[in-house]
């Protein structure tokens, strides 16, 4: 019985693996185009890789084809698509002028991505949480891509030198291995509004993204980036408020 379960767990399922390998292809293509100084194309390729990465897991669950082989393949492909690829893009696009501080920032990003994936793989079986601990590496890579697209919207098509972009890479590296909680979107949140109002809201958001994708993608990913520390701050303030209420006041002598 145990041997059969083990063999089933290691079974190869072509359909979800095709989406995973498509994500790997986009990540590799992003590296190639980044070396050719086609930074906008490289950024779009990373965003497409994130879409394939989001689809492969859902396809595996819908077709009941999840396996340990697929999970390991997904992590290896994520390391390239959302670790090496955005680090190369960031270095060639904005970090190169800073010398060793630039390539050290790019290396730190790759290292933190590997640690993020290793922690996720080791904790996923023992954790029942539907949210992420630390910033997911696809979201971090998407933030770098959104910054590239936003700079193109501002008319900057070549290399960029700005200290904020160097700091962004360091901040993303920290957030990936932090303990901040990020929403996973595995299940839709429960809204207090009516379903029709929620549908209208999503439709308006879709129209805004379609109208100005370079601005809206940068804004949305920036909001998601800040949501982890903001949520932690809110929980800390609520905890202090609760402690102050539960603690009895000292009586005067």
C-alpha atoms as a PDB file:
ATOM      1  CA  UNK A   1       0.000   0.000   0.000  1.00  0.00           C
ATOM      2  CA  UNK A   2       2.813   2.367   0.856  1.00  0.00           C
ATOM      3  CA  UNK A   3       4.708   1.538  -2.342  1.00  0.00           C
ATOM      4  CA  UNK A   4       1.623   2.227  -4.457  1.00  0.00           C
ATOM      5  CA  UNK A   5       1.074   5.568  -2.736  1.00  0.00           C
ATOM      6  CA  UNK A   6       4.698   6.484  -3.277  1.00  0.00           C
ATOM      7  CA  UNK A   7       4.559   5.589  -6.960  1.00  0.00           C
ATOM      8  CA  UNK A   8       1.374   7.608  -7.369  1.00  0.00           C
ATOM      9  CA  UNK A   9       2.960  10.573  -5.628  1.00  0.00           C
ATOM     10  CA  UNK A  10       5.893  10.536  -8.054  1.00  0.00           C
ATOM     11  CA  UNK A  11       3.792  10.018 -11.175  1.00  0.00           C
ATOM     12  CA  UNK A  12       4.376  12.271 -14.179  1.00  0.00           C
ATOM     13  CA  UNK A  13       1.327  14.199 -15.415  1.00  0.00           C
ATOM     14  CA  UNK A  14       1.948  15.918 -18.784  1.00  0.00           C
ATOM     15  CA  UNK A  15      -0.795  18.568 -18.711  1.00  0.00           C
ATOM     16  CA  UNK A  16       0.227  20.619 -15.625  1.00  0.00           C
ATOM     17  CA  UNK A  17       3.915  20.094 -16.438  1.00  0.00           C
ATOM     18  CA  UNK A  18       3.352  21.685 -19.855  1.00  0.00           C
ATOM     19  CA  UNK A  19       2.188  24.901 -18.166  1.00  0.00           C
ATOM     20  CA  UNK A  20       5.154  24.743 -15.781  1.00  0.00           C
ATOM     21  CA  UNK A  21       7.604  24.356 -18.657  1.00  0.00           C
ATOM     22  CA  UNK A  22       5.852  27.200 -20.488  1.00  0.00           C
ATOM     23  CA  UNK A  23       6.613  29.369 -17.465  1.00  0.00           C
ATOM     24  CA  UNK A  24      10.260  28.235 -17.648  1.00  0.00           C
ATOM     25  CA  UNK A  25      10.379  29.096 -21.363  1.00  0.00           C
ATOM     26  CA  UNK A  26       9.106  32.626 -20.664  1.00  0.00           C
ATOM     27  CA  UNK A  27      11.680  33.088 -17.913  1.00  0.00           C
ATOM     28  CA  UNK A  28      14.530  31.953 -20.163  1.00  0.00           C
ATOM     29  CA  UNK A  29      13.246  34.120 -23.000  1.00  0.00           C
ATOM     30  CA  UNK A  30      13.244  37.078 -20.613  1.00  0.00           C
ATOM     31  CA  UNK A  31      16.960  36.505 -19.911  1.00  0.00           C
ATOM     32  CA  UNK A  32      17.775  36.367 -23.625  1.00  0.00           C
ATOM     33  CA  UNK A  33      15.866  39.562 -24.416  1.00  0.00           C
ATOM     34  CA  UNK A  34      17.351  41.344 -21.397  1.00  0.00           C
ATOM     35  CA  UNK A  35      20.869  40.662 -22.722  1.00  0.00           C
ATOM     36  CA  UNK A  36      19.695  42.201 -26.001  1.00  0.00           C
ATOM     37  CA  UNK A  37      18.592  45.320 -24.080  1.00  0.00           C
ATOM     38  CA  UNK A  38      14.935  44.629 -24.905  1.00  0.00           C
ATOM     39  CA  UNK A  39      13.870  45.351 -21.334  1.00  0.00           C
ATOM     40  CA  UNK A  40      10.169  45.854 -22.019  1.00  0.00           C
ATOM     41  CA  UNK A  41       9.914  42.495 -23.781  1.00  0.00           C
ATOM     42  CA  UNK A  42      11.820  40.839 -20.942  1.00  0.00           C
ATOM     43  CA  UNK A  43       9.424  42.341 -18.382  1.00  0.00           C
ATOM     44  CA  UNK A  44       6.365  41.156 -20.305  1.00  0.00           C
ATOM     45  CA  UNK A  45       7.858  37.656 -20.568  1.00  0.00           C
ATOM     46  CA  UNK A  46       8.173  37.475 -16.764  1.00  0.00           C
ATOM     47  CA  UNK A  47       4.546  38.550 -16.342  1.00  0.00           C
ATOM     48  CA  UNK A  48       3.445  35.849 -18.796  1.00  0.00           C
ATOM     49  CA  UNK A  49       5.547  33.336 -16.840  1.00  0.00           C
ATOM     50  CA  UNK A  50       3.676  34.352 -13.681  1.00  0.00           C
ATOM     51  CA  UNK A  51       0.373  33.657 -15.436  1.00  0.00           C
ATOM     52  CA  UNK A  52       1.501  30.163 -16.471  1.00  0.00           C
ATOM     53  CA  UNK A  53       2.772  29.570 -12.925  1.00  0.00           C
ATOM     54  CA  UNK A  54      -0.629  30.504 -11.494  1.00  0.00           C
ATOM     55  CA  UNK A  55      -2.416  28.229 -13.961  1.00  0.00           C
ATOM     56  CA  UNK A  56      -0.349  25.052 -13.597  1.00  0.00           C
ATOM     57  CA  UNK A  57      -1.279  24.432  -9.969  1.00  0.00           C
ATOM     58  CA  UNK A  58      -4.962  25.041 -10.602  1.00  0.00           C
ATOM     59  CA  UNK A  59      -4.906  22.717 -13.603  1.00  0.00           C
ATOM     60  CA  UNK A  60      -3.250  20.023 -11.492  1.00  0.00           C
ATOM     61  CA  UNK A  61      -5.889  20.340  -8.773  1.00  0.00           C
ATOM     62  CA  UNK A  62      -8.801  20.473 -11.223  1.00  0.00           C
ATOM     63  CA  UNK A  63      -7.606  17.348 -13.054  1.00  0.00           C
ATOM     64  CA  UNK A  64      -6.560  15.583  -9.840  1.00  0.00           C
ATOM     65  CA  UNK A  65      -3.005  15.301 -11.161  1.00  0.00           C
ATOM     66  CA  UNK A  66      -0.940  16.754  -8.327  1.00  0.00           C
ATOM     67  CA  UNK A  67       2.316  14.940  -7.618  1.00  0.00           C
ATOM     68  CA  UNK A  68       5.649  15.383  -5.886  1.00  0.00           C
ATOM     69  CA  UNK A  69       7.339  15.353  -9.283  1.00  0.00           C
ATOM     70  CA  UNK A  70       5.205  18.297 -10.406  1.00  0.00           C
ATOM     71  CA  UNK A  71       5.898  20.213  -7.208  1.00  0.00           C
ATOM     72  CA  UNK A  72       9.664  19.752  -7.552  1.00  0.00           C
ATOM     73  CA  UNK A  73       9.568  20.728 -11.225  1.00  0.00           C
ATOM     74  CA  UNK A  74       7.555  23.834 -10.351  1.00  0.00           C
ATOM     75  CA  UNK A  75      10.131  24.957  -7.783  1.00  0.00           C
ATOM     76  CA  UNK A  76      13.054  24.436 -10.172  1.00  0.00           C
ATOM     77  CA  UNK A  77      11.293  26.406 -12.905  1.00  0.00           C
ATOM     78  CA  UNK A  78      10.321  29.149 -10.428  1.00  0.00           C
ATOM     79  CA  UNK A  79      13.972  29.542  -9.501  1.00  0.00           C
ATOM     80  CA  UNK A  80      14.769  30.433 -13.113  1.00  0.00           C
ATOM     81  CA  UNK A  81      11.631  32.378 -14.042  1.00  0.00           C
ATOM     82  CA  UNK A  82      11.252  34.358 -10.816  1.00  0.00           C
ATOM     83  CA  UNK A  83      14.769  34.249  -9.368  1.00  0.00           C
ATOM     84  CA  UNK A  84      17.474  34.383 -12.035  1.00  0.00           C
ATOM     85  CA  UNK A  85      15.400  36.042 -14.758  1.00  0.00           C
ATOM     86  CA  UNK A  86      14.232  39.154 -12.792  1.00  0.00           C
ATOM     87  CA  UNK A  87      17.675  39.485 -11.188  1.00  0.00           C
ATOM     88  CA  UNK A  88      19.327  39.570 -14.634  1.00  0.00           C
ATOM     89  CA  UNK A  89      16.707  42.008 -15.874  1.00  0.00           C
ATOM     90  CA  UNK A  90      17.135  44.279 -12.860  1.00  0.00           C
ATOM     91  CA  UNK A  91      20.937  44.207 -13.113  1.00  0.00           C
ATOM     92  CA  UNK A  92      21.126  44.984 -16.822  1.00  0.00           C
ATOM     93  CA  UNK A  93      18.338  47.549 -16.609  1.00  0.00           C
ATOM     94  CA  UNK A  94      19.075  49.499 -13.413  1.00  0.00           C
ATOM     95  CA  UNK A  95      21.765  47.952 -11.179  1.00  0.00           C
ATOM     96  CA  UNK A  96      24.750  47.872 -13.521  1.00  0.00           C
ATOM     97  CA  UNK A  97      25.814  51.516 -12.879  1.00  0.00           C
ATOM     98  CA  UNK A  98      26.225  50.820  -9.139  1.00  0.00           C
ATOM     99  CA  UNK A  99      29.131  48.427  -9.621  1.00  0.00           C
ATOM    100  CA  UNK A 100      29.521  45.795  -6.926  1.00  0.00           C
ATOM    101  CA  UNK A 101      26.515  47.141  -4.997  1.00  0.00           C
ATOM    102  CA  UNK A 102      24.448  46.438  -8.079  1.00  0.00           C
ATOM    103  CA  UNK A 103      25.521  42.864  -8.751  1.00  0.00           C
ATOM    104  CA  UNK A 104      25.463  42.084  -5.033  1.00  0.00           C
ATOM    105  CA  UNK A 105      21.843  43.261  -4.938  1.00  0.00           C
ATOM    106  CA  UNK A 106      21.072  40.990  -7.910  1.00  0.00           C
ATOM    107  CA  UNK A 107      22.810  38.046  -6.223  1.00  0.00           C
ATOM    108  CA  UNK A 108      20.975  38.727  -2.962  1.00  0.00           C
ATOM    109  CA  UNK A 109      17.697  38.627  -4.848  1.00  0.00           C
ATOM    110  CA  UNK A 110      18.546  35.219  -6.349  1.00  0.00           C
ATOM    111  CA  UNK A 111      19.694  33.881  -2.982  1.00  0.00           C
ATOM    112  CA  UNK A 112      16.562  35.065  -1.186  1.00  0.00           C
ATOM    113  CA  UNK A 113      14.405  33.524  -3.902  1.00  0.00           C
ATOM    114  CA  UNK A 114      16.069  30.149  -3.341  1.00  0.00           C
ATOM    115  CA  UNK A 115      15.571  30.455   0.418  1.00  0.00           C
ATOM    116  CA  UNK A 116      11.956  31.511  -0.111  1.00  0.00           C
ATOM    117  CA  UNK A 117      11.240  28.468  -2.269  1.00  0.00           C
ATOM    118  CA  UNK A 118      13.059  26.112   0.109  1.00  0.00           C
ATOM    119  CA  UNK A 119      11.072  27.416   3.080  1.00  0.00           C
ATOM    120  CA  UNK A 120       7.815  27.137   1.161  1.00  0.00           C
ATOM    121  CA  UNK A 121       8.521  23.544   0.104  1.00  0.00           C
ATOM    122  CA  UNK A 122       9.480  22.494   3.622  1.00  0.00           C
ATOM    123  CA  UNK A 123       6.456  24.134   5.285  1.00  0.00           C
ATOM    124  CA  UNK A 124       3.706  23.564   2.731  1.00  0.00           C
ATOM    125  CA  UNK A 125       2.873  20.076   3.994  1.00  0.00           C
ATOM    126  CA  UNK A 126       2.692  21.082   7.666  1.00  0.00           C
ATOM    127  CA  UNK A 127       0.894  24.403   7.247  1.00  0.00           C
ATOM    128  CA  UNK A 128      -2.873  24.758   6.912  1.00  0.00           C
ATOM    129  CA  UNK A 129      -2.748  28.471   6.189  1.00  0.00           C
ATOM    130  CA  UNK A 130      -4.287  29.663   2.935  1.00  0.00           C
ATOM    131  CA  UNK A 131      -1.975  32.680   2.863  1.00  0.00           C
ATOM    132  CA  UNK A 132       1.730  33.088   2.136  1.00  0.00           C
ATOM    133  CA  UNK A 133       4.431  33.705   4.722  1.00  0.00           C
ATOM    134  CA  UNK A 134       6.690  36.196   3.005  1.00  0.00           C
ATOM    135  CA  UNK A 135       6.266  37.797  -0.391  1.00  0.00           C
ATOM    136  CA  UNK A 136       5.771  35.155  -3.105  1.00  0.00           C
ATOM    137  CA  UNK A 137       8.637  35.166  -5.609  1.00  0.00           C
ATOM    138  CA  UNK A 138       6.293  35.539  -8.649  1.00  0.00           C
ATOM    139  CA  UNK A 139       4.909  38.731  -7.083  1.00  0.00           C
ATOM    140  CA  UNK A 140       8.434  40.038  -6.436  1.00  0.00           C
ATOM    141  CA  UNK A 141       9.418  39.317 -10.032  1.00  0.00           C
ATOM    142  CA  UNK A 142       6.205  40.948 -11.259  1.00  0.00           C
ATOM    143  CA  UNK A 143       7.038  44.066  -9.230  1.00  0.00           C
ATOM    144  CA  UNK A 144      10.373  44.405 -11.049  1.00  0.00           C
ATOM    145  CA  UNK A 145       8.625  43.868 -14.389  1.00  0.00           C
ATOM    146  CA  UNK A 146       5.962  46.438 -13.534  1.00  0.00           C
ATOM    147  CA  UNK A 147       8.694  48.960 -12.671  1.00  0.00           C
ATOM    148  CA  UNK A 148      10.278  48.392 -16.089  1.00  0.00           C
ATOM    149  CA  UNK A 149       6.932  48.894 -17.844  1.00  0.00           C
ATOM    150  CA  UNK A 150       6.201  51.998 -15.787  1.00  0.00           C
ATOM    151  CA  UNK A 151       9.559  53.508 -16.769  1.00  0.00           C
ATOM    152  CA  UNK A 152       8.682  52.894 -20.424  1.00  0.00           C
ATOM    153  CA  UNK A 153       5.421  54.734 -19.822  1.00  0.00           C
ATOM    154  CA  UNK A 154       7.478  57.664 -18.561  1.00  0.00           C
ATOM    155  CA  UNK A 155       9.514  57.579 -21.778  1.00  0.00           C
ATOM    156  CA  UNK A 156      12.641  55.868 -20.400  1.00  0.00           C
ATOM    157  CA  UNK A 157      13.462  53.034 -22.797  1.00  0.00           C
ATOM    158  CA  UNK A 158      17.112  52.302 -21.994  1.00  0.00           C
ATOM    159  CA  UNK A 159      19.093  51.725 -18.824  1.00  0.00           C
ATOM    160  CA  UNK A 160      17.982  53.556 -15.693  1.00  0.00           C
ATOM    161  CA  UNK A 161      20.015  54.830 -12.773  1.00  0.00           C
ATOM    162  CA  UNK A 162      17.983  55.701  -9.713  1.00  0.00           C
ATOM    163  CA  UNK A 163      18.668  54.811  -6.096  1.00  0.00           C
ATOM    164  CA  UNK A 164      15.019  53.853  -5.544  1.00  0.00           C
ATOM    165  CA  UNK A 165      15.360  50.903  -7.929  1.00  0.00           C
ATOM    166  CA  UNK A 166      18.442  49.647  -6.091  1.00  0.00           C
ATOM    167  CA  UNK A 167      16.521  49.920  -2.816  1.00  0.00           C
ATOM    168  CA  UNK A 168      13.529  48.167  -4.408  1.00  0.00           C
ATOM    169  CA  UNK A 169      15.610  45.067  -5.113  1.00  0.00           C
ATOM    170  CA  UNK A 170      16.901  44.993  -1.534  1.00  0.00           C
ATOM    171  CA  UNK A 171      13.370  45.476  -0.166  1.00  0.00           C
ATOM    172  CA  UNK A 172      11.982  42.690  -2.343  1.00  0.00           C
ATOM    173  CA  UNK A 173      14.789  40.397  -1.209  1.00  0.00           C
ATOM    174  CA  UNK A 174      13.921  41.070   2.432  1.00  0.00           C
ATOM    175  CA  UNK A 175      10.169  40.684   1.993  1.00  0.00           C
ATOM    176  CA  UNK A 176      10.520  37.268   0.336  1.00  0.00           C
ATOM    177  CA  UNK A 177      12.159  35.776   3.450  1.00  0.00           C
ATOM    178  CA  UNK A 178      10.216  37.870   5.965  1.00  0.00           C
ATOM    179  CA  UNK A 179       7.349  36.617   8.127  1.00  0.00           C
ATOM    180  CA  UNK A 180       4.830  39.101   6.759  1.00  0.00           C
ATOM    181  CA  UNK A 181       1.540  37.554   5.691  1.00  0.00           C
ATOM    182  CA  UNK A 182       0.423  37.959   2.086  1.00  0.00           C
ATOM    183  CA  UNK A 183      -2.945  36.976   0.692  1.00  0.00           C
ATOM    184  CA  UNK A 184      -2.679  33.994  -1.663  1.00  0.00           C
ATOM    185  CA  UNK A 185      -5.875  34.486  -3.736  1.00  0.00           C
ATOM    186  CA  UNK A 186      -6.440  30.721  -3.597  1.00  0.00           C
ATOM    187  CA  UNK A 187      -9.988  31.513  -2.526  1.00  0.00           C
ATOM    188  CA  UNK A 188     -11.995  34.642  -3.174  1.00  0.00           C
ATOM    189  CA  UNK A 189     -12.397  36.808  -0.073  1.00  0.00           C
ATOM    190  CA  UNK A 190     -15.824  37.127   1.524  1.00  0.00           C
ATOM    191  CA  UNK A 191     -17.191  40.546   0.741  1.00  0.00           C
ATOM    192  CA  UNK A 192     -19.819  42.286   2.824  1.00  0.00           C
ATOM    193  CA  UNK A 193     -21.148  43.941  -0.335  1.00  0.00           C
ATOM    194  CA  UNK A 194     -23.638  42.286  -2.635  1.00  0.00           C
ATOM    195  CA  UNK A 195     -22.333  40.040  -5.402  1.00  0.00           C
ATOM    196  CA  UNK A 196     -23.547  42.436  -8.076  1.00  0.00           C
ATOM    197  CA  UNK A 197     -21.553  45.293  -6.520  1.00  0.00           C
ATOM    198  CA  UNK A 198     -18.463  43.090  -6.336  1.00  0.00           C
ATOM    199  CA  UNK A 199     -18.893  42.162 -10.011  1.00  0.00           C
ATOM    200  CA  UNK A 200     -19.171  45.832 -10.972  1.00  0.00           C
ATOM    201  CA  UNK A 201     -16.063  46.627  -8.930  1.00  0.00           C
ATOM    202  CA  UNK A 202     -14.013  43.907 -10.633  1.00  0.00           C
ATOM    203  CA  UNK A 203     -15.285  45.062 -14.020  1.00  0.00           C
ATOM    204  CA  UNK A 204     -14.215  48.653 -13.330  1.00  0.00           C
ATOM    205  CA  UNK A 205     -10.811  47.434 -12.159  1.00  0.00           C
ATOM    206  CA  UNK A 206     -10.442  45.374 -15.339  1.00  0.00           C
ATOM    207  CA  UNK A 207     -11.302  48.428 -17.455  1.00  0.00           C
ATOM    208  CA  UNK A 208      -8.709  50.541 -15.630  1.00  0.00           C
ATOM    209  CA  UNK A 209      -6.009  47.904 -16.127  1.00  0.00           C
ATOM    210  CA  UNK A 210      -6.921  47.523 -19.796  1.00  0.00           C
ATOM    211  CA  UNK A 211      -6.909  51.302 -20.319  1.00  0.00           C
ATOM    212  CA  UNK A 212      -3.578  52.023 -18.620  1.00  0.00           C
ATOM    213  CA  UNK A 213      -1.858  48.667 -17.973  1.00  0.00           C
ATOM    214  CA  UNK A 214       1.595  50.134 -17.318  1.00  0.00           C
ATOM    215  CA  UNK A 215       0.307  52.452 -14.602  1.00  0.00           C
ATOM    216  CA  UNK A 216      -2.253  50.113 -13.062  1.00  0.00           C
ATOM    217  CA  UNK A 217       0.008  47.050 -12.924  1.00  0.00           C
ATOM    218  CA  UNK A 218       2.705  49.070 -11.174  1.00  0.00           C
ATOM    219  CA  UNK A 219       0.128  50.484  -8.738  1.00  0.00           C
ATOM    220  CA  UNK A 220      -1.537  47.137  -7.987  1.00  0.00           C
ATOM    221  CA  UNK A 221       1.733  45.290  -7.395  1.00  0.00           C
ATOM    222  CA  UNK A 222       2.983  48.162  -5.240  1.00  0.00           C
ATOM    223  CA  UNK A 223      -0.178  47.930  -3.117  1.00  0.00           C
ATOM    224  CA  UNK A 224       0.256  44.167  -2.791  1.00  0.00           C
ATOM    225  CA  UNK A 225       3.897  44.696  -1.856  1.00  0.00           C
ATOM    226  CA  UNK A 226       2.890  47.025   0.984  1.00  0.00           C
ATOM    227  CA  UNK A 227      -0.052  44.892   2.116  1.00  0.00           C
ATOM    228  CA  UNK A 228       2.139  42.454   4.073  1.00  0.00           C
ATOM    229  CA  UNK A 229       3.841  45.000   6.369  1.00  0.00           C
ATOM    230  CA  UNK A 230       0.580  46.983   6.632  1.00  0.00           C
ATOM    231  CA  UNK A 231      -1.352  43.894   7.754  1.00  0.00           C
ATOM    232  CA  UNK A 232       1.337  43.082  10.323  1.00  0.00           C
ATOM    233  CA  UNK A 233       1.190  46.649  11.662  1.00  0.00           C
ATOM    234  CA  UNK A 234      -2.595  46.473  11.973  1.00  0.00           C
ATOM    235  CA  UNK A 235      -2.388  43.191  13.898  1.00  0.00           C
ATOM    236  CA  UNK A 236       0.253  44.648  16.221  1.00  0.00           C
ATOM    237  CA  UNK A 237      -1.860  47.734  16.933  1.00  0.00           C
ATOM    238  CA  UNK A 238      -4.924  45.567  17.622  1.00  0.00           C
ATOM    239  CA  UNK A 239      -2.892  43.365  19.955  1.00  0.00           C
ATOM    240  CA  UNK A 240      -1.610  46.363  21.919  1.00  0.00           C
ATOM    241  CA  UNK A 241      -5.117  47.803  22.113  1.00  0.00           C
ATOM    242  CA  UNK A 242      -6.503  44.509  23.389  1.00  0.00           C
ATOM    243  CA  UNK A 243      -3.738  44.233  25.990  1.00  0.00           C
ATOM    244  CA  UNK A 244      -4.434  47.749  27.215  1.00  0.00           C
ATOM    245  CA  UNK A 245      -8.128  46.919  27.586  1.00  0.00           C
ATOM    246  CA  UNK A 246      -7.533  43.582  29.340  1.00  0.00           C
ATOM    247  CA  UNK A 247      -4.910  45.011  31.710  1.00  0.00           C
ATOM    248  CA  UNK A 248      -6.647  46.366  34.841  1.00  0.00           C
ATOM    249  CA  UNK A 249      -5.825  49.912  35.792  1.00  0.00           C
ATOM    250  CA  UNK A 250      -3.768  50.367  38.947  1.00  0.00           C
ATOM    251  CA  UNK A 251      -5.754  51.829  41.802  1.00  0.00           C
ATOM    252  CA  UNK A 252      -4.423  54.942  43.393  1.00  0.00           C
ATOM    253  CA  UNK A 253      -3.358  54.541  47.087  1.00  0.00           C
END
